[in-house]
């Protein structure tokens, strides 16, 4: 797990390729990151299934209760099959764009 913090956003990258172990570790250490917007980078895992990506939903809900963004970056994925409550994008640039839009919405009170 590689962690990089820049401003109000923390990017957490899976380096092992085992999404179940990564999710367990991330859930265990969530308190460390709860005050930051999170980008979960699982591009290293080329064959992520819909079930594996949807497993991030409880963590996403817990994180969004703190009025912070939670975006998953995964390549070569059928975004329509995943839960619509998850923000899933194919690149880190799009993840940063979503966080910026959500920050503006929160500032405006939406």
C-alpha atoms as a PDB file:
ATOM      1  CA  UNK A   1       0.000   0.000   0.000  1.00  0.00           C
ATOM      2  CA  UNK A   2       1.450   3.323  -1.082  1.00  0.00           C
ATOM      3  CA  UNK A   3       0.047   6.517   0.488  1.00  0.00           C
ATOM      4  CA  UNK A   4       0.558   9.984  -0.980  1.00  0.00           C
ATOM      5  CA  UNK A   5      -1.036  13.114   0.497  1.00  0.00           C
ATOM      6  CA  UNK A   6      -1.292  16.337  -1.462  1.00  0.00           C
ATOM      7  CA  UNK A   7      -3.300  19.175   0.068  1.00  0.00           C
ATOM      8  CA  UNK A   8      -6.752  17.948   1.107  1.00  0.00           C
ATOM      9  CA  UNK A   9      -6.510  14.708  -0.907  1.00  0.00           C
ATOM     10  CA  UNK A  10      -4.853  11.394  -0.095  1.00  0.00           C
ATOM     11  CA  UNK A  11      -4.141   8.837  -2.805  1.00  0.00           C
ATOM     12  CA  UNK A  12      -3.854   5.239  -1.640  1.00  0.00           C
ATOM     13  CA  UNK A  13      -2.463   2.802  -4.181  1.00  0.00           C
ATOM     14  CA  UNK A  14      -2.714  -0.973  -4.025  1.00  0.00           C
ATOM     15  CA  UNK A  15       0.729  -2.420  -4.736  1.00  0.00           C
ATOM     16  CA  UNK A  16       0.026  -6.090  -4.026  1.00  0.00           C
ATOM     17  CA  UNK A  17      -2.781  -6.910  -6.458  1.00  0.00           C
ATOM     18  CA  UNK A  18      -4.863  -8.585  -3.717  1.00  0.00           C
ATOM     19  CA  UNK A  19      -7.976  -6.409  -3.401  1.00  0.00           C
ATOM     20  CA  UNK A  20      -9.432  -8.317  -0.455  1.00  0.00           C
ATOM     21  CA  UNK A  21      -6.306  -7.843   1.669  1.00  0.00           C
ATOM     22  CA  UNK A  22      -6.005  -4.218   0.493  1.00  0.00           C
ATOM     23  CA  UNK A  23      -9.620  -3.479   1.484  1.00  0.00           C
ATOM     24  CA  UNK A  24      -9.131  -5.083   4.897  1.00  0.00           C
ATOM     25  CA  UNK A  25      -5.985  -3.020   5.545  1.00  0.00           C
ATOM     26  CA  UNK A  26      -7.674   0.147   4.290  1.00  0.00           C
ATOM     27  CA  UNK A  27     -10.722  -0.450   6.499  1.00  0.00           C
ATOM     28  CA  UNK A  28      -8.471  -1.097   9.496  1.00  0.00           C
ATOM     29  CA  UNK A  29      -6.545   2.161   8.935  1.00  0.00           C
ATOM     30  CA  UNK A  30      -9.551   4.288   7.869  1.00  0.00           C
ATOM     31  CA  UNK A  31      -9.385   6.547  10.957  1.00  0.00           C
ATOM     32  CA  UNK A  32      -5.984   7.770   9.712  1.00  0.00           C
ATOM     33  CA  UNK A  33      -7.495   9.041   6.458  1.00  0.00           C
ATOM     34  CA  UNK A  34     -11.018  10.074   7.462  1.00  0.00           C
ATOM     35  CA  UNK A  35     -10.308  13.836   7.353  1.00  0.00           C
ATOM     36  CA  UNK A  36      -9.026  13.706   3.754  1.00  0.00           C
ATOM     37  CA  UNK A  37     -10.645  13.161   0.375  1.00  0.00           C
ATOM     38  CA  UNK A  38      -9.571   9.702  -0.780  1.00  0.00           C
ATOM     39  CA  UNK A  39      -8.512   8.390  -4.154  1.00  0.00           C
ATOM     40  CA  UNK A  40      -8.280   4.606  -4.088  1.00  0.00           C
ATOM     41  CA  UNK A  41      -5.979   3.579  -6.943  1.00  0.00           C
ATOM     42  CA  UNK A  42      -6.462  -0.074  -7.877  1.00  0.00           C
ATOM     43  CA  UNK A  43      -5.136   0.206 -11.438  1.00  0.00           C
ATOM     44  CA  UNK A  44      -2.433  -2.313 -10.456  1.00  0.00           C
ATOM     45  CA  UNK A  45      -5.160  -4.984 -10.268  1.00  0.00           C
ATOM     46  CA  UNK A  46      -5.931  -5.539 -13.951  1.00  0.00           C
ATOM     47  CA  UNK A  47      -8.775  -8.040 -13.487  1.00  0.00           C
ATOM     48  CA  UNK A  48     -10.848  -6.406 -10.745  1.00  0.00           C
ATOM     49  CA  UNK A  49     -14.329  -7.915 -10.659  1.00  0.00           C
ATOM     50  CA  UNK A  50     -17.540  -6.005 -10.035  1.00  0.00           C
ATOM     51  CA  UNK A  51     -17.941  -7.881  -6.744  1.00  0.00           C
ATOM     52  CA  UNK A  52     -14.451  -6.840  -5.576  1.00  0.00           C
ATOM     53  CA  UNK A  53     -15.029  -3.178  -6.458  1.00  0.00           C
ATOM     54  CA  UNK A  54     -18.504  -3.158  -4.866  1.00  0.00           C
ATOM     55  CA  UNK A  55     -16.877  -4.451  -1.652  1.00  0.00           C
ATOM     56  CA  UNK A  56     -15.583  -0.883  -1.144  1.00  0.00           C
ATOM     57  CA  UNK A  57     -19.181   0.381  -0.726  1.00  0.00           C
ATOM     58  CA  UNK A  58     -19.387   0.185   3.113  1.00  0.00           C
ATOM     59  CA  UNK A  59     -16.083   2.032   3.441  1.00  0.00           C
ATOM     60  CA  UNK A  60     -17.247   4.604   0.886  1.00  0.00           C
ATOM     61  CA  UNK A  61     -20.483   5.249   2.801  1.00  0.00           C
ATOM     62  CA  UNK A  62     -18.608   5.640   6.089  1.00  0.00           C
ATOM     63  CA  UNK A  63     -16.166   8.058   4.484  1.00  0.00           C
ATOM     64  CA  UNK A  64     -18.844  10.186   2.805  1.00  0.00           C
ATOM     65  CA  UNK A  65     -20.653  10.628   6.146  1.00  0.00           C
ATOM     66  CA  UNK A  66     -17.694  12.865   7.081  1.00  0.00           C
ATOM     67  CA  UNK A  67     -18.457  15.022   4.016  1.00  0.00           C
ATOM     68  CA  UNK A  68     -15.320  13.876   2.199  1.00  0.00           C
ATOM     69  CA  UNK A  69     -14.945  12.413  -1.278  1.00  0.00           C
ATOM     70  CA  UNK A  70     -14.137   8.759  -1.996  1.00  0.00           C
ATOM     71  CA  UNK A  71     -13.155   7.944  -5.586  1.00  0.00           C
ATOM     72  CA  UNK A  72     -11.921   4.614  -6.969  1.00  0.00           C
ATOM     73  CA  UNK A  73      -9.561   4.537  -9.966  1.00  0.00           C
ATOM     74  CA  UNK A  74      -9.696   1.313 -11.980  1.00  0.00           C
ATOM     75  CA  UNK A  75      -8.885   0.680 -15.640  1.00  0.00           C
ATOM     76  CA  UNK A  76     -10.676  -1.656 -18.075  1.00  0.00           C
ATOM     77  CA  UNK A  77     -13.832  -1.929 -15.986  1.00  0.00           C
ATOM     78  CA  UNK A  78     -17.543  -1.980 -16.841  1.00  0.00           C
ATOM     79  CA  UNK A  79     -18.606   1.043 -14.803  1.00  0.00           C
ATOM     80  CA  UNK A  80     -22.313   0.422 -15.468  1.00  0.00           C
ATOM     81  CA  UNK A  81     -22.297  -2.862 -13.533  1.00  0.00           C
ATOM     82  CA  UNK A  82     -20.891  -1.384 -10.313  1.00  0.00           C
ATOM     83  CA  UNK A  83     -22.965   0.310  -7.640  1.00  0.00           C
ATOM     84  CA  UNK A  84     -24.071   3.806  -8.608  1.00  0.00           C
ATOM     85  CA  UNK A  85     -23.207   4.946  -5.067  1.00  0.00           C
ATOM     86  CA  UNK A  86     -19.503   4.524  -5.859  1.00  0.00           C
ATOM     87  CA  UNK A  87     -17.520   7.117  -7.798  1.00  0.00           C
ATOM     88  CA  UNK A  88     -15.412   5.018 -10.177  1.00  0.00           C
ATOM     89  CA  UNK A  89     -13.185   6.547 -12.854  1.00  0.00           C
ATOM     90  CA  UNK A  90     -10.482   5.230 -15.221  1.00  0.00           C
ATOM     91  CA  UNK A  91      -7.767   7.843 -14.451  1.00  0.00           C
ATOM     92  CA  UNK A  92      -6.362   9.775 -11.501  1.00  0.00           C
ATOM     93  CA  UNK A  93      -6.959  13.057 -13.338  1.00  0.00           C
ATOM     94  CA  UNK A  94     -10.695  12.328 -13.465  1.00  0.00           C
ATOM     95  CA  UNK A  95     -10.605  11.397  -9.771  1.00  0.00           C
ATOM     96  CA  UNK A  96      -9.108  14.794  -8.926  1.00  0.00           C
ATOM     97  CA  UNK A  97     -11.757  16.485 -11.106  1.00  0.00           C
ATOM     98  CA  UNK A  98     -14.583  14.718  -9.246  1.00  0.00           C
ATOM     99  CA  UNK A  99     -13.103  15.724  -5.887  1.00  0.00           C
ATOM    100  CA  UNK A 100     -12.838  19.352  -6.988  1.00  0.00           C
ATOM    101  CA  UNK A 101     -16.474  19.351  -8.164  1.00  0.00           C
ATOM    102  CA  UNK A 102     -17.654  17.768  -4.900  1.00  0.00           C
ATOM    103  CA  UNK A 103     -15.632  20.308  -2.881  1.00  0.00           C
ATOM    104  CA  UNK A 104     -17.360  23.140  -4.775  1.00  0.00           C
ATOM    105  CA  UNK A 105     -20.780  21.542  -4.175  1.00  0.00           C
ATOM    106  CA  UNK A 106     -20.039  21.242  -0.426  1.00  0.00           C
ATOM    107  CA  UNK A 107     -18.878  24.874  -0.314  1.00  0.00           C
ATOM    108  CA  UNK A 108     -22.137  25.930  -1.962  1.00  0.00           C
ATOM    109  CA  UNK A 109     -24.169  23.820   0.475  1.00  0.00           C
ATOM    110  CA  UNK A 110     -25.490  21.130  -1.884  1.00  0.00           C
END
